[in-house]
Amino acid sequence: MIKLNALLCWMGLMLVNYSHSQQNYVFTSLTEALNVPADSVYRLDLSREGYAQVPAEIIQFTNLIELDLRKNKLTDLPANFIFPHLKTLHLGQNKFQVFPAVLCQNTSLTHLYMGKNAISEIPECIGNLVYLQKLDLWFNTVSTIPESMVQLRNLRSLDLRGMNYSEEFQEKWRKRMPWVTFEFDLGCDCGI
């Protein structure tokens, strides 16, 4: 009987090791993710799929902790794009011109990647993302940083390369947020 229990236990562990419900398993297609219970999808990579809109089916994956939507054609996010456990979100290399305000409701975010879009402004609500550690906005057109950024006491890295900021602007923000490692290009005499 002990051997049978040990064998069943071992088999159970094997099933867990290969289960799609593990948090470290990355689903690489929407079809694959839709073939398992929605609450067992923690990581989803839908990069390079050519999406012009976020597929509505994604909203059912309420346990997502990582979502990769890089290299699509997204310009906006739906109003219900809210995931209570989402830690890492990749939205780089899309076609965003506006920082989607709904992101500010994803308050568990620790890593937000939005590089290589056409975002010109960061909204004040960014201050809601109090757990944010890394914000990557390289190669956008952001001209100002909102005052609410100083509320991001967990922020450690802010990538603003690919945009022209004066040395004065860079120095001002380095002093205002000394806990953050800023990545800027060389300062310019450009008035920003």
N, C-alpha and C. Protein backbone atom coordinates (compact mmCIF):
# COMPACT_ATOMS: atom_id res chain seq x y z
N MET A 1 0.81 -1.19 0.00
CA MET A 1 0.00 0.00 0.00
C MET A 1 0.86 1.26 0.00
N ILE A 2 1.95 1.24 0.78
CA ILE A 2 2.85 2.38 0.83
C ILE A 2 3.47 2.62 -0.54
N LYS A 3 3.85 1.54 -1.21
CA LYS A 3 4.43 1.68 -2.55
C LYS A 3 3.42 2.28 -3.53
N LEU A 4 2.15 1.87 -3.43
CA LEU A 4 1.12 2.40 -4.31
C LEU A 4 0.93 3.90 -4.06
N ASN A 5 0.87 4.31 -2.79
CA ASN A 5 0.74 5.74 -2.46
C ASN A 5 1.94 6.53 -2.97
N ALA A 6 3.13 5.97 -2.81
CA ALA A 6 4.34 6.64 -3.30
C ALA A 6 4.28 6.78 -4.81
N LEU A 7 3.82 5.71 -5.50
CA LEU A 7 3.71 5.75 -6.95
C LEU A 7 2.68 6.79 -7.38
N LEU A 8 1.52 6.82 -6.71
CA LEU A 8 0.50 7.81 -7.05
C LEU A 8 0.99 9.23 -6.79
N CYS A 9 1.69 9.38 -5.67
CA CYS A 9 2.25 10.70 -5.34
C CYS A 9 3.23 11.12 -6.42
N TRP A 10 4.09 10.19 -6.82
CA TRP A 10 5.07 10.50 -7.86
C TRP A 10 4.37 10.85 -9.17
N MET A 11 3.34 10.08 -9.51
CA MET A 11 2.59 10.36 -10.73
C MET A 11 1.89 11.71 -10.64
N GLY A 12 1.36 12.02 -9.47
CA GLY A 12 0.73 13.32 -9.28
C GLY A 12 1.70 14.46 -9.46
N LEU A 13 2.91 14.28 -8.94
CA LEU A 13 3.93 15.31 -9.12
C LEU A 13 4.30 15.45 -10.58
N MET A 14 4.37 14.33 -11.27
CA MET A 14 4.69 14.39 -12.70
C MET A 14 3.60 15.15 -13.46
N LEU A 15 2.35 14.90 -13.10
CA LEU A 15 1.27 15.62 -13.76
C LEU A 15 1.37 17.11 -13.50
N VAL A 16 1.69 17.49 -12.27
CA VAL A 16 1.84 18.91 -11.94
C VAL A 16 2.99 19.52 -12.72
N ASN A 17 4.10 18.80 -12.87
CA ASN A 17 5.25 19.33 -13.58
C ASN A 17 4.95 19.62 -15.04
N TYR A 18 4.01 18.91 -15.63
CA TYR A 18 3.73 19.12 -17.04
C TYR A 18 2.37 19.76 -17.28
N SER A 19 1.74 20.21 -16.25
CA SER A 19 0.41 20.80 -16.34
C SER A 19 0.48 22.19 -16.97
N HIS A 20 -0.56 22.49 -17.77
CA HIS A 20 -0.66 23.83 -18.35
C HIS A 20 -1.01 24.87 -17.31
N SER A 21 -1.40 24.44 -16.12
CA SER A 21 -1.80 25.40 -15.09
C SER A 21 -0.62 25.99 -14.34
N GLN A 22 0.57 25.52 -14.62
CA GLN A 22 1.73 26.08 -13.92
C GLN A 22 1.93 27.54 -14.29
N GLN A 23 2.34 28.31 -13.32
CA GLN A 23 2.53 29.73 -13.56
C GLN A 23 3.67 30.03 -14.51
N ASN A 24 4.62 29.13 -14.68
CA ASN A 24 5.75 29.44 -15.55
C ASN A 24 5.55 28.97 -16.99
N TYR A 25 4.43 28.32 -17.29
CA TYR A 25 4.17 27.89 -18.65
C TYR A 25 3.71 29.08 -19.48
N VAL A 26 4.28 29.26 -20.67
CA VAL A 26 3.92 30.38 -21.55
C VAL A 26 3.07 29.84 -22.71
N PHE A 27 1.85 30.29 -22.78
CA PHE A 27 0.99 29.95 -23.92
C PHE A 27 1.40 30.85 -25.08
N THR A 28 1.61 30.27 -26.24
CA THR A 28 2.12 31.05 -27.37
C THR A 28 1.11 31.26 -28.48
N SER A 29 -0.13 30.93 -28.22
CA SER A 29 -1.20 31.25 -29.16
C SER A 29 -2.51 31.36 -28.40
N LEU A 30 -3.41 32.14 -28.94
CA LEU A 30 -4.71 32.30 -28.31
C LEU A 30 -5.48 30.98 -28.36
N THR A 31 -5.35 30.25 -29.45
CA THR A 31 -6.02 28.96 -29.59
C THR A 31 -5.58 28.00 -28.50
N GLU A 32 -4.29 27.94 -28.25
CA GLU A 32 -3.75 27.06 -27.20
C GLU A 32 -4.31 27.46 -25.83
N ALA A 33 -4.33 28.75 -25.54
CA ALA A 33 -4.82 29.22 -24.24
C ALA A 33 -6.31 28.97 -24.07
N LEU A 34 -7.06 29.03 -25.15
CA LEU A 34 -8.51 28.82 -25.06
C LEU A 34 -8.88 27.35 -24.88
N ASN A 35 -7.91 26.46 -25.03
CA ASN A 35 -8.16 25.02 -24.87
C ASN A 35 -7.94 24.51 -23.45
N VAL A 36 -7.67 25.40 -22.51
CA VAL A 36 -7.51 25.02 -21.11
C VAL A 36 -8.43 25.93 -20.29
N PRO A 37 -8.68 25.57 -19.03
CA PRO A 37 -9.50 26.47 -18.19
C PRO A 37 -8.87 27.87 -18.12
N ALA A 38 -9.69 28.89 -18.27
CA ALA A 38 -9.19 30.27 -18.32
C ALA A 38 -8.36 30.65 -17.11
N ASP A 39 -8.72 30.11 -15.92
CA ASP A 39 -7.98 30.48 -14.72
C ASP A 39 -6.62 29.79 -14.61
N SER A 40 -6.28 28.97 -15.59
CA SER A 40 -4.96 28.31 -15.56
C SER A 40 -3.98 28.97 -16.53
N VAL A 41 -4.37 30.09 -17.12
CA VAL A 41 -3.49 30.81 -18.04
C VAL A 41 -2.85 31.97 -17.27
N TYR A 42 -1.54 31.86 -17.05
CA TYR A 42 -0.81 32.88 -16.30
C TYR A 42 0.11 33.71 -17.19
N ARG A 43 0.61 33.10 -18.23
CA ARG A 43 1.54 33.79 -19.14
C ARG A 43 1.08 33.56 -20.57
N LEU A 44 0.99 34.66 -21.34
CA LEU A 44 0.48 34.58 -22.69
C LEU A 44 1.33 35.45 -23.60
N ASP A 45 1.87 34.85 -24.64
CA ASP A 45 2.71 35.56 -25.61
C ASP A 45 1.97 35.61 -26.95
N LEU A 46 1.43 36.79 -27.27
CA LEU A 46 0.75 37.00 -28.54
C LEU A 46 1.49 38.05 -29.36
N SER A 47 2.81 38.06 -29.24
CA SER A 47 3.62 39.00 -30.02
C SER A 47 3.64 38.56 -31.48
N ARG A 48 3.81 39.55 -32.34
CA ARG A 48 3.97 39.33 -33.78
C ARG A 48 2.78 38.62 -34.44
N GLU A 49 1.58 38.92 -33.96
CA GLU A 49 0.38 38.28 -34.51
C GLU A 49 -0.38 39.19 -35.46
N GLY A 50 0.02 40.46 -35.57
CA GLY A 50 -0.64 41.39 -36.49
C GLY A 50 -1.96 41.94 -35.97
N TYR A 51 -2.21 41.83 -34.67
CA TYR A 51 -3.46 42.33 -34.10
C TYR A 51 -3.56 43.85 -34.19
N ALA A 52 -4.69 44.34 -34.71
CA ALA A 52 -4.97 45.77 -34.71
C ALA A 52 -5.80 46.13 -33.47
N GLN A 53 -6.44 45.11 -32.87
CA GLN A 53 -7.19 45.27 -31.63
C GLN A 53 -6.86 44.10 -30.72
N VAL A 54 -6.95 44.34 -29.43
CA VAL A 54 -6.73 43.26 -28.47
C VAL A 54 -7.88 42.27 -28.61
N PRO A 55 -7.58 40.99 -28.81
CA PRO A 55 -8.66 40.00 -28.91
C PRO A 55 -9.51 39.99 -27.64
N ALA A 56 -10.80 40.04 -27.80
CA ALA A 56 -11.73 40.11 -26.66
C ALA A 56 -11.57 38.92 -25.72
N GLU A 57 -11.15 37.78 -26.24
CA GLU A 57 -11.02 36.57 -25.43
C GLU A 57 -9.98 36.70 -24.32
N ILE A 58 -9.03 37.61 -24.48
CA ILE A 58 -7.96 37.76 -23.50
C ILE A 58 -8.51 38.15 -22.12
N ILE A 59 -9.58 38.89 -22.09
CA ILE A 59 -10.13 39.41 -20.84
C ILE A 59 -10.52 38.29 -19.88
N GLN A 60 -10.85 37.11 -20.39
CA GLN A 60 -11.25 36.01 -19.51
C GLN A 60 -10.09 35.42 -18.71
N PHE A 61 -8.84 35.75 -19.11
CA PHE A 61 -7.68 35.20 -18.41
C PHE A 61 -7.33 36.08 -17.22
N THR A 62 -8.15 36.00 -16.19
CA THR A 62 -8.04 36.91 -15.04
C THR A 62 -6.82 36.65 -14.17
N ASN A 63 -6.15 35.50 -14.35
CA ASN A 63 -4.96 35.20 -13.55
C ASN A 63 -3.66 35.55 -14.27
N LEU A 64 -3.76 36.24 -15.40
CA LEU A 64 -2.54 36.59 -16.13
C LEU A 64 -1.57 37.35 -15.22
N ILE A 65 -0.30 36.92 -15.26
CA ILE A 65 0.75 37.67 -14.58
C ILE A 65 1.73 38.24 -15.59
N GLU A 66 1.71 37.71 -16.82
CA GLU A 66 2.57 38.25 -17.88
C GLU A 66 1.83 38.16 -19.22
N LEU A 67 1.83 39.27 -19.94
CA LEU A 67 1.17 39.34 -21.24
C LEU A 67 2.10 40.05 -22.21
N ASP A 68 2.35 39.41 -23.34
CA ASP A 68 3.23 39.97 -24.36
C ASP A 68 2.43 40.25 -25.62
N LEU A 69 2.25 41.52 -25.93
CA LEU A 69 1.55 41.96 -27.14
C LEU A 69 2.47 42.80 -28.03
N ARG A 70 3.77 42.59 -27.91
CA ARG A 70 4.76 43.32 -28.72
C ARG A 70 4.55 43.07 -30.21
N LYS A 71 5.00 44.03 -30.98
CA LYS A 71 5.09 43.90 -32.44
C LYS A 71 3.76 43.51 -33.07
N ASN A 72 2.71 44.20 -32.65
CA ASN A 72 1.41 44.09 -33.29
C ASN A 72 1.09 45.44 -33.91
N LYS A 73 -0.18 45.75 -34.11
CA LYS A 73 -0.58 47.03 -34.70
C LYS A 73 -1.58 47.74 -33.81
N LEU A 74 -1.43 47.55 -32.50
CA LEU A 74 -2.39 48.10 -31.54
C LEU A 74 -2.26 49.62 -31.43
N THR A 75 -3.40 50.29 -31.35
CA THR A 75 -3.42 51.74 -31.16
C THR A 75 -4.10 52.12 -29.84
N ASP A 76 -4.83 51.18 -29.25
CA ASP A 76 -5.56 51.46 -28.01
C ASP A 76 -5.83 50.13 -27.31
N LEU A 77 -6.25 50.23 -26.06
CA LEU A 77 -6.63 49.06 -25.28
C LEU A 77 -8.10 49.22 -24.90
N PRO A 78 -8.83 48.10 -24.80
CA PRO A 78 -10.24 48.21 -24.42
C PRO A 78 -10.39 48.67 -22.97
N ALA A 79 -11.53 49.25 -22.65
CA ALA A 79 -11.79 49.78 -21.31
C ALA A 79 -11.77 48.69 -20.24
N ASN A 80 -12.01 47.44 -20.62
CA ASN A 80 -12.01 46.34 -19.65
C ASN A 80 -10.67 45.60 -19.60
N PHE A 81 -9.62 46.24 -20.08
CA PHE A 81 -8.28 45.66 -20.06
C PHE A 81 -7.69 45.82 -18.66
N ILE A 82 -8.24 45.06 -17.71
CA ILE A 82 -7.85 45.17 -16.31
C ILE A 82 -7.60 43.76 -15.77
N PHE A 83 -6.39 43.52 -15.32
CA PHE A 83 -5.98 42.22 -14.82
C PHE A 83 -5.41 42.40 -13.41
N PRO A 84 -6.07 41.85 -12.40
CA PRO A 84 -5.67 42.12 -11.02
C PRO A 84 -4.30 41.57 -10.62
N HIS A 85 -3.78 40.59 -11.36
CA HIS A 85 -2.51 39.97 -10.99
C HIS A 85 -1.38 40.27 -11.97
N LEU A 86 -1.65 41.06 -13.00
CA LEU A 86 -0.68 41.31 -14.07
C LEU A 86 0.55 42.04 -13.54
N LYS A 87 1.72 41.42 -13.72
CA LYS A 87 2.99 42.00 -13.28
C LYS A 87 3.78 42.58 -14.44
N THR A 88 3.81 41.85 -15.56
CA THR A 88 4.65 42.25 -16.69
C THR A 88 3.79 42.37 -17.95
N LEU A 89 3.89 43.53 -18.60
CA LEU A 89 3.13 43.79 -19.82
C LEU A 89 4.06 44.35 -20.88
N HIS A 90 4.08 43.69 -22.02
CA HIS A 90 4.89 44.12 -23.17
C HIS A 90 3.95 44.70 -24.24
N LEU A 91 4.08 45.99 -24.51
CA LEU A 91 3.28 46.65 -25.54
C LEU A 91 4.18 47.39 -26.54
N GLY A 92 5.46 47.12 -26.51
CA GLY A 92 6.40 47.80 -27.40
C GLY A 92 6.17 47.47 -28.86
N GLN A 93 6.61 48.37 -29.69
CA GLN A 93 6.58 48.22 -31.14
C GLN A 93 5.16 47.97 -31.67
N ASN A 94 4.25 48.81 -31.20
CA ASN A 94 2.89 48.85 -31.71
C ASN A 94 2.68 50.22 -32.34
N LYS A 95 1.47 50.72 -32.32
CA LYS A 95 1.16 52.00 -32.95
C LYS A 95 0.43 52.94 -31.99
N PHE A 96 0.72 52.81 -30.69
CA PHE A 96 0.10 53.69 -29.70
C PHE A 96 0.59 55.12 -29.89
N GLN A 97 -0.36 56.07 -29.91
CA GLN A 97 -0.01 57.49 -29.90
C GLN A 97 -0.33 58.09 -28.54
N VAL A 98 -1.18 57.40 -27.80
CA VAL A 98 -1.61 57.85 -26.48
C VAL A 98 -1.34 56.71 -25.50
N PHE A 99 -0.83 57.06 -24.34
CA PHE A 99 -0.64 56.09 -23.27
C PHE A 99 -2.04 55.70 -22.79
N PRO A 100 -2.44 54.44 -22.94
CA PRO A 100 -3.80 54.04 -22.56
C PRO A 100 -4.04 54.21 -21.05
N ALA A 101 -4.99 55.06 -20.69
CA ALA A 101 -5.27 55.34 -19.28
C ALA A 101 -5.70 54.10 -18.52
N VAL A 102 -6.29 53.11 -19.20
CA VAL A 102 -6.73 51.89 -18.52
C VAL A 102 -5.55 51.15 -17.89
N LEU A 103 -4.35 51.39 -18.38
CA LEU A 103 -3.17 50.75 -17.77
C LEU A 103 -3.01 51.15 -16.31
N CYS A 104 -3.44 52.34 -15.98
CA CYS A 104 -3.32 52.83 -14.60
C CYS A 104 -4.20 52.06 -13.63
N GLN A 105 -5.12 51.25 -14.15
CA GLN A 105 -5.98 50.43 -13.30
C GLN A 105 -5.37 49.04 -13.07
N ASN A 106 -4.26 48.76 -13.73
CA ASN A 106 -3.55 47.50 -13.54
C ASN A 106 -2.48 47.72 -12.49
N THR A 107 -2.93 47.90 -11.27
CA THR A 107 -2.06 48.39 -10.19
C THR A 107 -1.05 47.37 -9.69
N SER A 108 -1.09 46.14 -10.15
CA SER A 108 -0.09 45.15 -9.76
C SER A 108 1.14 45.17 -10.68
N LEU A 109 1.09 45.97 -11.73
CA LEU A 109 2.20 46.00 -12.70
C LEU A 109 3.53 46.33 -12.02
N THR A 110 4.55 45.54 -12.35
CA THR A 110 5.91 45.83 -11.89
C THR A 110 6.82 46.18 -13.08
N HIS A 111 6.49 45.68 -14.27
CA HIS A 111 7.31 45.92 -15.47
C HIS A 111 6.38 46.27 -16.63
N LEU A 112 6.56 47.46 -17.18
CA LEU A 112 5.75 47.92 -18.30
C LEU A 112 6.68 48.36 -19.43
N TYR A 113 6.54 47.69 -20.57
CA TYR A 113 7.40 47.95 -21.73
C TYR A 113 6.53 48.52 -22.85
N MET A 114 6.81 49.80 -23.21
CA MET A 114 6.04 50.47 -24.26
C MET A 114 6.94 51.17 -25.27
N GLY A 115 8.16 50.69 -25.40
CA GLY A 115 9.10 51.31 -26.31
C GLY A 115 8.69 51.20 -27.76
N LYS A 116 9.16 52.15 -28.54
CA LYS A 116 8.98 52.21 -29.99
C LYS A 116 7.51 52.25 -30.39
N ASN A 117 6.81 53.21 -29.81
CA ASN A 117 5.47 53.57 -30.23
C ASN A 117 5.53 55.04 -30.65
N ALA A 118 4.46 55.78 -30.53
CA ALA A 118 4.46 57.21 -30.83
C ALA A 118 3.77 57.97 -29.71
N ILE A 119 4.00 57.55 -28.47
CA ILE A 119 3.35 58.12 -27.29
C ILE A 119 3.97 59.48 -26.99
N SER A 120 3.12 60.51 -26.87
CA SER A 120 3.63 61.86 -26.65
C SER A 120 3.48 62.32 -25.20
N GLU A 121 2.65 61.62 -24.42
CA GLU A 121 2.39 62.09 -23.06
C GLU A 121 2.12 60.91 -22.13
N ILE A 122 2.61 61.02 -20.92
CA ILE A 122 2.34 60.05 -19.87
C ILE A 122 1.26 60.67 -18.98
N PRO A 123 0.16 59.96 -18.74
CA PRO A 123 -0.92 60.56 -17.93
C PRO A 123 -0.56 60.64 -16.45
N GLU A 124 -1.19 61.55 -15.75
CA GLU A 124 -0.99 61.71 -14.30
C GLU A 124 -1.34 60.43 -13.54
N CYS A 125 -2.27 59.64 -14.06
CA CYS A 125 -2.69 58.43 -13.35
C CYS A 125 -1.57 57.40 -13.25
N ILE A 126 -0.44 57.62 -13.91
CA ILE A 126 0.70 56.70 -13.79
C ILE A 126 1.11 56.54 -12.33
N GLY A 127 0.83 57.53 -11.54
CA GLY A 127 1.15 57.48 -10.11
C GLY A 127 0.41 56.38 -9.36
N ASN A 128 -0.63 55.81 -9.98
CA ASN A 128 -1.37 54.69 -9.38
C ASN A 128 -0.56 53.39 -9.40
N LEU A 129 0.43 53.31 -10.27
CA LEU A 129 1.19 52.07 -10.44
C LEU A 129 2.33 52.00 -9.42
N VAL A 130 1.96 51.96 -8.16
CA VAL A 130 2.92 52.09 -7.06
C VAL A 130 3.90 50.91 -6.96
N TYR A 131 3.62 49.79 -7.60
CA TYR A 131 4.54 48.64 -7.56
C TYR A 131 5.48 48.62 -8.77
N LEU A 132 5.30 49.56 -9.68
CA LEU A 132 6.10 49.59 -10.90
C LEU A 132 7.58 49.72 -10.58
N GLN A 133 8.38 48.82 -11.15
CA GLN A 133 9.83 48.83 -10.96
C GLN A 133 10.57 49.26 -12.22
N LYS A 134 10.01 48.90 -13.38
CA LYS A 134 10.66 49.25 -14.65
C LYS A 134 9.61 49.79 -15.61
N LEU A 135 9.91 50.96 -16.16
CA LEU A 135 9.07 51.58 -17.18
C LEU A 135 9.95 51.87 -18.38
N ASP A 136 9.63 51.23 -19.48
CA ASP A 136 10.42 51.34 -20.70
C ASP A 136 9.60 52.09 -21.74
N LEU A 137 10.01 53.32 -22.04
CA LEU A 137 9.32 54.16 -23.02
C LEU A 137 10.26 54.62 -24.14
N TRP A 138 11.37 53.91 -24.34
CA TRP A 138 12.36 54.34 -25.33
C TRP A 138 11.71 54.56 -26.70
N PHE A 139 12.24 55.50 -27.40
CA PHE A 139 11.86 55.82 -28.77
C PHE A 139 10.37 56.10 -28.92
N ASN A 140 9.86 57.02 -28.11
CA ASN A 140 8.53 57.58 -28.25
C ASN A 140 8.71 59.08 -28.47
N THR A 141 7.70 59.86 -28.22
CA THR A 141 7.82 61.31 -28.38
C THR A 141 7.39 62.05 -27.11
N VAL A 142 7.57 61.43 -25.96
CA VAL A 142 7.16 62.00 -24.68
C VAL A 142 7.93 63.30 -24.43
N SER A 143 7.19 64.39 -24.24
CA SER A 143 7.85 65.68 -24.04
C SER A 143 7.90 66.11 -22.58
N THR A 144 6.98 65.59 -21.76
CA THR A 144 6.99 65.94 -20.34
C THR A 144 6.76 64.69 -19.49
N ILE A 145 7.20 64.79 -18.27
CA ILE A 145 6.97 63.71 -17.30
C ILE A 145 6.02 64.27 -16.25
N PRO A 146 4.93 63.56 -15.96
CA PRO A 146 3.96 64.10 -14.99
C PRO A 146 4.51 64.11 -13.57
N GLU A 147 4.05 65.04 -12.79
CA GLU A 147 4.48 65.17 -11.40
C GLU A 147 4.19 63.91 -10.57
N SER A 148 3.16 63.17 -10.95
CA SER A 148 2.79 61.98 -10.20
C SER A 148 3.85 60.88 -10.25
N MET A 149 4.81 61.01 -11.14
CA MET A 149 5.88 60.01 -11.24
C MET A 149 6.65 59.90 -9.92
N VAL A 150 6.74 60.97 -9.16
CA VAL A 150 7.48 60.92 -7.90
C VAL A 150 6.82 60.00 -6.88
N GLN A 151 5.58 59.60 -7.10
CA GLN A 151 4.89 58.65 -6.22
C GLN A 151 5.38 57.22 -6.44
N LEU A 152 6.10 56.98 -7.51
CA LEU A 152 6.52 55.62 -7.86
C LEU A 152 7.81 55.28 -7.12
N ARG A 153 7.69 55.03 -5.83
CA ARG A 153 8.85 54.79 -4.96
C ARG A 153 9.52 53.45 -5.21
N ASN A 154 8.85 52.53 -5.90
CA ASN A 154 9.45 51.24 -6.24
C ASN A 154 10.12 51.25 -7.61
N LEU A 155 9.92 52.33 -8.36
CA LEU A 155 10.51 52.42 -9.70
C LEU A 155 12.03 52.45 -9.59
N ARG A 156 12.68 51.60 -10.35
CA ARG A 156 14.15 51.54 -10.33
C ARG A 156 14.76 51.88 -11.67
N SER A 157 13.99 51.73 -12.76
CA SER A 157 14.54 51.97 -14.09
C SER A 157 13.49 52.65 -14.97
N LEU A 158 13.90 53.75 -15.59
CA LEU A 158 13.04 54.49 -16.52
C LEU A 158 13.84 54.75 -17.79
N ASP A 159 13.44 54.09 -18.87
CA ASP A 159 14.15 54.20 -20.14
C ASP A 159 13.46 55.22 -21.03
N LEU A 160 14.12 56.35 -21.25
CA LEU A 160 13.61 57.42 -22.09
C LEU A 160 14.58 57.73 -23.24
N ARG A 161 15.31 56.72 -23.66
CA ARG A 161 16.23 56.92 -24.78
C ARG A 161 15.45 57.13 -26.08
N GLY A 162 16.10 57.75 -27.03
CA GLY A 162 15.47 57.98 -28.33
C GLY A 162 14.63 59.24 -28.36
N MET A 163 14.68 60.03 -27.28
CA MET A 163 13.94 61.29 -27.23
C MET A 163 14.92 62.39 -26.83
N ASN A 164 14.71 63.56 -27.35
CA ASN A 164 15.63 64.67 -27.09
C ASN A 164 15.20 65.47 -25.86
N TYR A 165 15.98 65.34 -24.80
CA TYR A 165 15.74 66.11 -23.59
C TYR A 165 16.98 66.94 -23.30
N SER A 166 16.75 68.14 -22.81
CA SER A 166 17.87 68.99 -22.45
C SER A 166 18.59 68.43 -21.23
N GLU A 167 19.83 68.82 -21.06
CA GLU A 167 20.58 68.40 -19.88
C GLU A 167 19.90 68.90 -18.61
N GLU A 168 19.31 70.06 -18.68
CA GLU A 168 18.60 70.63 -17.53
C GLU A 168 17.39 69.75 -17.15
N PHE A 169 16.63 69.33 -18.14
CA PHE A 169 15.48 68.46 -17.91
C PHE A 169 15.93 67.14 -17.29
N GLN A 170 16.98 66.57 -17.83
CA GLN A 170 17.49 65.30 -17.32
C GLN A 170 17.95 65.43 -15.87
N GLU A 171 18.67 66.48 -15.59
CA GLU A 171 19.19 66.70 -14.24
C GLU A 171 18.04 66.93 -13.25
N LYS A 172 17.03 67.68 -13.67
CA LYS A 172 15.86 67.94 -12.81
C LYS A 172 15.24 66.63 -12.36
N TRP A 173 15.01 65.71 -13.29
CA TRP A 173 14.34 64.45 -12.94
C TRP A 173 15.25 63.49 -12.19
N ARG A 174 16.53 63.54 -12.46
CA ARG A 174 17.45 62.71 -11.67
C ARG A 174 17.44 63.15 -10.20
N LYS A 175 17.34 64.46 -9.97
CA LYS A 175 17.29 64.98 -8.60
C LYS A 175 15.94 64.69 -7.95
N ARG A 176 14.86 64.78 -8.72
CA ARG A 176 13.53 64.55 -8.16
C ARG A 176 13.30 63.09 -7.80
N MET A 177 13.97 62.19 -8.53
CA MET A 177 13.77 60.76 -8.32
C MET A 177 15.13 60.05 -8.23
N PRO A 178 15.88 60.30 -7.17
CA PRO A 178 17.23 59.75 -7.07
C PRO A 178 17.29 58.23 -6.95
N TRP A 179 16.18 57.60 -6.61
CA TRP A 179 16.13 56.14 -6.49
C TRP A 179 15.99 55.45 -7.85
N VAL A 180 15.81 56.25 -8.91
CA VAL A 180 15.58 55.70 -10.26
C VAL A 180 16.84 55.83 -11.10
N THR A 181 17.13 54.78 -11.86
CA THR A 181 18.18 54.86 -12.88
C THR A 181 17.50 55.28 -14.18
N PHE A 182 17.80 56.51 -14.60
CA PHE A 182 17.25 57.03 -15.85
C PHE A 182 18.17 56.66 -17.00
N GLU A 183 17.56 56.30 -18.12
CA GLU A 183 18.32 56.09 -19.34
C GLU A 183 17.87 57.16 -20.33
N PHE A 184 18.77 58.13 -20.55
CA PHE A 184 18.53 59.22 -21.50
C PHE A 184 19.60 59.14 -22.58
N ASP A 185 19.33 59.74 -23.73
CA ASP A 185 20.38 59.99 -24.70
C ASP A 185 21.17 61.20 -24.22
N LEU A 186 22.26 61.51 -24.86
CA LEU A 186 23.02 62.70 -24.50
C LEU A 186 22.11 63.92 -24.55
N GLY A 187 22.26 64.80 -23.56
CA GLY A 187 21.44 66.00 -23.50
C GLY A 187 21.61 66.87 -24.72
N CYS A 188 20.54 67.55 -25.08
CA CYS A 188 20.58 68.44 -26.24
C CYS A 188 20.24 69.85 -25.82
N ASP A 189 20.45 70.79 -26.72
CA ASP A 189 20.04 72.17 -26.51
C ASP A 189 18.77 72.38 -27.31
N CYS A 190 17.73 71.59 -26.95
CA CYS A 190 16.54 71.54 -27.79
C CYS A 190 15.31 72.16 -27.14
N GLY A 191 15.47 72.68 -25.94
CA GLY A 191 14.35 73.36 -25.30
C GLY A 191 13.40 72.44 -24.53
N ILE A 192 13.62 71.17 -24.55
CA ILE A 192 12.74 70.25 -23.81
C ILE A 192 13.40 69.87 -22.49
